[in-house]
Amino acid sequence: MAKVLITGGAYQGKYRYARDHYPIIDENCINFQEIENRIGKNENSRDNLPDMICQKVSVNHMICFTHCHLLVKWAVKSEIDIIDLWESICDRICRSGDWCVIMDEIGGGIIPLDRFEREYREKAGIFGCYIAGKSDEVVRVICGIGSRIK
């Protein structure tokens, strides 16, 4: 069983690194950027997020979740606890026990003035720490090169 967190800045090659080092197939990738775009177009789909996530994957293979920082953003907007949401997603589709979470680091730089952006950044950090604690491996990718930190 493998649980992996891959993190790093935006556009640093995290997904390519994951595909090169773990048994990930495109059909088993859940891209929260695509889901966020679908939710944005259809406000009624917010209530069906777990169904939208769970409909396309094979539960017997490693599940790859990409752009997980956007899942956090959605949870903050919807005033849903991100840990509870994550647990419900895993209960439904991570039957093999193998998953790979790919998440941008968003906590660096100047602290935002906007209250929502500060809360989102804080919750993304909390979620990242939670996932790192649950992971067997944590890898930080910069310029396509991974450094294992756990």
C-alpha atoms as a PDB file:
ATOM      1  CA  MET A   1       0.000   0.000   0.000  1.00  0.00           C
ATOM      2  CA  ALA A   2       1.364   3.429  -0.925  1.00  0.00           C
ATOM      3  CA  LYS A   3       0.119   6.818   0.103  1.00  0.00           C
ATOM      4  CA  VAL A   4       2.105   9.646  -1.461  1.00  0.00           C
ATOM      5  CA  LEU A   5       2.042  13.438  -1.204  1.00  0.00           C
ATOM      6  CA  ILE A   6       3.807  15.351  -3.963  1.00  0.00           C
ATOM      7  CA  THR A   7       4.100  19.073  -3.404  1.00  0.00           C
ATOM      8  CA  GLY A   8       5.961  22.056  -4.791  1.00  0.00           C
ATOM      9  CA  GLY A   9       5.324  25.315  -6.565  1.00  0.00           C
ATOM     10  CA  ALA A  10       2.988  25.730  -9.506  1.00  0.00           C
ATOM     11  CA  TYR A  11       4.196  24.329 -12.840  1.00  0.00           C
ATOM     12  CA  GLN A  12       7.187  22.497 -11.377  1.00  0.00           C
ATOM     13  CA  GLY A  13       6.523  19.096 -12.968  1.00  0.00           C
ATOM     14  CA  LYS A  14       4.743  17.406 -10.075  1.00  0.00           C
ATOM     15  CA  TYR A  15       2.341  15.370 -12.219  1.00  0.00           C
ATOM     16  CA  ARG A  16       5.070  14.226 -14.612  1.00  0.00           C
ATOM     17  CA  TYR A  17       7.192  13.223 -11.619  1.00  0.00           C
ATOM     18  CA  ALA A  18       4.250  11.244 -10.207  1.00  0.00           C
ATOM     19  CA  ARG A  19       3.671   9.450 -13.517  1.00  0.00           C
ATOM     20  CA  ASP A  20       7.371   8.587 -13.807  1.00  0.00           C
ATOM     21  CA  HIS A  21       7.713   7.197 -10.264  1.00  0.00           C
ATOM     22  CA  TYR A  22       4.342   5.677  -9.315  1.00  0.00           C
ATOM     23  CA  PRO A  23       1.810   3.362 -11.020  1.00  0.00           C
ATOM     24  CA  ILE A  24      -0.509   6.156 -12.134  1.00  0.00           C
ATOM     25  CA  ILE A  25      -2.779   5.955 -15.157  1.00  0.00           C
ATOM     26  CA  ASP A  26      -4.635   8.941 -16.604  1.00  0.00           C
ATOM     27  CA  GLU A  27      -7.978   7.190 -16.211  1.00  0.00           C
ATOM     28  CA  ASN A  28      -7.495   7.109 -12.448  1.00  0.00           C
ATOM     29  CA  CYS A  29      -6.596  10.771 -12.032  1.00  0.00           C
ATOM     30  CA  ILE A  30      -9.008  13.171 -10.438  1.00  0.00           C
ATOM     31  CA  ASN A  31      -8.132  16.703 -11.483  1.00  0.00           C
ATOM     32  CA  PHE A  32      -9.674  19.233  -9.124  1.00  0.00           C
ATOM     33  CA  GLN A  33      -8.961  22.013 -11.603  1.00  0.00           C
ATOM     34  CA  GLU A  34     -11.357  20.377 -14.080  1.00  0.00           C
ATOM     35  CA  ILE A  35     -13.903  19.760 -11.325  1.00  0.00           C
ATOM     36  CA  GLU A  36     -13.641  23.377 -10.162  1.00  0.00           C
ATOM     37  CA  ASN A  37     -14.362  24.530 -13.727  1.00  0.00           C
ATOM     38  CA  ARG A  38     -17.455  22.302 -13.903  1.00  0.00           C
ATOM     39  CA  ILE A  39     -18.670  23.532 -10.510  1.00  0.00           C
ATOM     40  CA  GLY A  40     -18.132  27.145 -11.553  1.00  0.00           C
ATOM     41  CA  LYS A  41     -20.379  26.649 -14.588  1.00  0.00           C
ATOM     42  CA  ASN A  42     -23.101  24.845 -12.646  1.00  0.00           C
ATOM     43  CA  GLU A  43     -23.740  26.164  -9.153  1.00  0.00           C
ATOM     44  CA  ASN A  44     -26.105  23.235  -8.415  1.00  0.00           C
ATOM     45  CA  SER A  45     -23.230  20.764  -8.794  1.00  0.00           C
ATOM     46  CA  ARG A  46     -21.687  21.916  -5.501  1.00  0.00           C
ATOM     47  CA  ASP A  47     -23.912  19.489  -3.604  1.00  0.00           C
ATOM     48  CA  ASN A  48     -22.789  16.616  -5.836  1.00  0.00           C
ATOM     49  CA  LEU A  49     -19.024  17.068  -5.482  1.00  0.00           C
ATOM     50  CA  PRO A  50     -18.350  13.601  -4.016  1.00  0.00           C
ATOM     51  CA  ASP A  51     -20.397  12.024  -6.822  1.00  0.00           C
ATOM     52  CA  MET A  52     -18.526  14.061  -9.455  1.00  0.00           C
ATOM     53  CA  ILE A  53     -15.231  12.910  -7.992  1.00  0.00           C
ATOM     54  CA  CYS A  54     -16.106   9.272  -7.556  1.00  0.00           C
ATOM     55  CA  GLN A  55     -17.784   8.470 -10.846  1.00  0.00           C
ATOM     56  CA  LYS A  56     -14.807   7.805 -13.119  1.00  0.00           C
ATOM     57  CA  VAL A  57     -12.163   5.899 -11.196  1.00  0.00           C
ATOM     58  CA  SER A  58     -11.272   2.240 -10.831  1.00  0.00           C
ATOM     59  CA  VAL A  59     -11.143   1.597  -7.106  1.00  0.00           C
ATOM     60  CA  ASN A  60      -8.634  -1.239  -7.510  1.00  0.00           C
ATOM     61  CA  HIS A  61      -5.756   0.977  -8.661  1.00  0.00           C
ATOM     62  CA  MET A  62      -3.768   3.877  -7.223  1.00  0.00           C
ATOM     63  CA  ILE A  63      -5.891   7.015  -7.342  1.00  0.00           C
ATOM     64  CA  CYS A  64      -4.101  10.246  -8.246  1.00  0.00           C
ATOM     65  CA  PHE A  65      -5.619  13.514  -7.018  1.00  0.00           C
ATOM     66  CA  THR A  66      -4.180  16.571  -8.787  1.00  0.00           C
ATOM     67  CA  HIS A  67      -4.562  20.263  -7.918  1.00  0.00           C
ATOM     68  CA  CYS A  68      -5.703  19.375  -4.387  1.00  0.00           C
ATOM     69  CA  HIS A  69      -5.139  22.950  -3.235  1.00  0.00           C
ATOM     70  CA  LEU A  70      -8.260  23.759  -5.312  1.00  0.00           C
ATOM     71  CA  LEU A  71     -10.252  21.177  -3.354  1.00  0.00           C
ATOM     72  CA  VAL A  72      -9.254  23.107  -0.245  1.00  0.00           C
ATOM     73  CA  LYS A  73     -10.331  26.379  -1.870  1.00  0.00           C
ATOM     74  CA  TRP A  74     -13.709  24.876  -2.763  1.00  0.00           C
ATOM     75  CA  ALA A  75     -14.158  23.563   0.796  1.00  0.00           C
ATOM     76  CA  VAL A  76     -13.379  26.984   2.284  1.00  0.00           C
ATOM     77  CA  LYS A  77     -15.846  28.672  -0.121  1.00  0.00           C
ATOM     78  CA  SER A  78     -18.507  26.111   0.767  1.00  0.00           C
ATOM     79  CA  GLU A  79     -17.711  26.267   4.497  1.00  0.00           C
ATOM     80  CA  ILE A  80     -17.029  22.532   4.601  1.00  0.00           C
ATOM     81  CA  ASP A  81     -14.330  20.985   6.778  1.00  0.00           C
ATOM     82  CA  ILE A  82     -11.614  19.857   4.376  1.00  0.00           C
ATOM     83  CA  ILE A  83     -10.543  16.896   6.519  1.00  0.00           C
ATOM     84  CA  ASP A  84     -14.110  15.560   6.708  1.00  0.00           C
ATOM     85  CA  LEU A  85     -14.504  16.025   2.954  1.00  0.00           C
ATOM     86  CA  TRP A  86     -11.224  14.220   2.271  1.00  0.00           C
ATOM     87  CA  GLU A  87     -12.210  11.306   4.537  1.00  0.00           C
ATOM     88  CA  SER A  88     -15.564  10.926   2.778  1.00  0.00           C
ATOM     89  CA  ILE A  89     -13.841  10.909  -0.632  1.00  0.00           C
ATOM     90  CA  CYS A  90     -11.316   8.290   0.514  1.00  0.00           C
ATOM     91  CA  ASP A  91     -14.011   6.134   2.080  1.00  0.00           C
ATOM     92  CA  ARG A  92     -15.826   6.029  -1.246  1.00  0.00           C
ATOM     93  CA  ILE A  93     -13.027   5.483  -3.742  1.00  0.00           C
ATOM     94  CA  CYS A  94      -9.702   4.581  -2.163  1.00  0.00           C
ATOM     95  CA  ARG A  95     -10.507   0.933  -1.572  1.00  0.00           C
ATOM     96  CA  SER A  96      -7.095  -0.250  -2.734  1.00  0.00           C
ATOM     97  CA  GLY A  97      -5.562   2.057  -0.132  1.00  0.00           C
ATOM     98  CA  ASP A  98      -3.162   3.525  -2.677  1.00  0.00           C
ATOM     99  CA  TRP A  99      -3.361   7.219  -3.474  1.00  0.00           C
ATOM    100  CA  CYS A 100      -1.158  10.049  -4.659  1.00  0.00           C
ATOM    101  CA  VAL A 101      -2.048  13.619  -3.728  1.00  0.00           C
ATOM    102  CA  ILE A 102      -0.502  16.385  -5.827  1.00  0.00           C
ATOM    103  CA  MET A 103      -0.810  19.806  -4.286  1.00  0.00           C
ATOM    104  CA  ASP A 104       0.736  23.215  -4.958  1.00  0.00           C
ATOM    105  CA  GLU A 105       2.537  24.958  -2.132  1.00  0.00           C
ATOM    106  CA  ILE A 106       0.631  28.168  -1.631  1.00  0.00           C
ATOM    107  CA  GLY A 107       1.858  29.392   1.740  1.00  0.00           C
ATOM    108  CA  GLY A 108       4.938  31.348   0.694  1.00  0.00           C
ATOM    109  CA  GLY A 109       5.197  35.041   0.073  1.00  0.00           C
ATOM    110  CA  ILE A 110       3.314  37.983   1.462  1.00  0.00           C
ATOM    111  CA  ILE A 111       0.314  37.315   3.676  1.00  0.00           C
ATOM    112  CA  PRO A 112      -2.807  38.302   1.715  1.00  0.00           C
ATOM    113  CA  LEU A 113      -4.959  41.214   2.899  1.00  0.00           C
ATOM    114  CA  ASP A 114      -8.140  39.449   1.811  1.00  0.00           C
ATOM    115  CA  ARG A 115      -9.715  37.420   4.643  1.00  0.00           C
ATOM    116  CA  PHE A 116     -10.813  34.581   2.341  1.00  0.00           C
ATOM    117  CA  GLU A 117      -7.326  34.235   0.829  1.00  0.00           C
ATOM    118  CA  ARG A 118      -5.759  34.092   4.309  1.00  0.00           C
ATOM    119  CA  GLU A 119      -8.227  31.427   5.434  1.00  0.00           C
ATOM    120  CA  TYR A 120      -7.715  29.430   2.221  1.00  0.00           C
ATOM    121  CA  ARG A 121      -3.947  29.584   2.662  1.00  0.00           C
ATOM    122  CA  GLU A 122      -4.205  28.474   6.292  1.00  0.00           C
ATOM    123  CA  LYS A 123      -6.561  25.580   5.470  1.00  0.00           C
ATOM    124  CA  ALA A 124      -4.315  24.492   2.593  1.00  0.00           C
ATOM    125  CA  GLY A 125      -1.416  24.333   5.039  1.00  0.00           C
ATOM    126  CA  ILE A 126      -3.486  22.362   7.553  1.00  0.00           C
ATOM    127  CA  PHE A 127      -4.617  19.957   4.822  1.00  0.00           C
ATOM    128  CA  GLY A 128      -1.052  19.550   3.556  1.00  0.00           C
ATOM    129  CA  CYS A 129       0.151  18.690   7.064  1.00  0.00           C
ATOM    130  CA  TYR A 130      -2.717  16.235   7.491  1.00  0.00           C
ATOM    131  CA  ILE A 131      -1.984  14.493   4.183  1.00  0.00           C
ATOM    132  CA  ALA A 132       1.759  14.426   4.926  1.00  0.00           C
ATOM    133  CA  GLY A 133       0.997  12.734   8.238  1.00  0.00           C
ATOM    134  CA  LYS A 134      -1.118  10.078   6.486  1.00  0.00           C
ATOM    135  CA  SER A 135       1.428   9.559   3.691  1.00  0.00           C
ATOM    136  CA  ASP A 136       4.086   6.876   3.450  1.00  0.00           C
ATOM    137  CA  GLU A 137       6.144   9.214   1.262  1.00  0.00           C
ATOM    138  CA  VAL A 138       6.292  12.982   0.825  1.00  0.00           C
ATOM    139  CA  VAL A 139       8.155  14.405  -2.157  1.00  0.00           C
ATOM    140  CA  ARG A 140       8.843  18.052  -2.963  1.00  0.00           C
ATOM    141  CA  VAL A 141       9.333  18.716  -6.671  1.00  0.00           C
ATOM    142  CA  ILE A 142      11.241  21.710  -8.005  1.00  0.00           C
ATOM    143  CA  CYS A 143      12.095  22.008 -11.717  1.00  0.00           C
ATOM    144  CA  GLY A 144      10.932  18.428 -12.242  1.00  0.00           C
ATOM    145  CA  ILE A 145      13.368  17.041  -9.666  1.00  0.00           C
ATOM    146  CA  GLY A 146      11.882  15.335  -6.643  1.00  0.00           C
ATOM    147  CA  SER A 147      13.399  15.411  -3.182  1.00  0.00           C
ATOM    148  CA  ARG A 148      11.979  12.849  -0.802  1.00  0.00           C
ATOM    149  CA  ILE A 149      11.326  14.522   2.554  1.00  0.00           C
ATOM    150  CA  LYS A 150       9.515  11.612   4.185  1.00  0.00           C
END
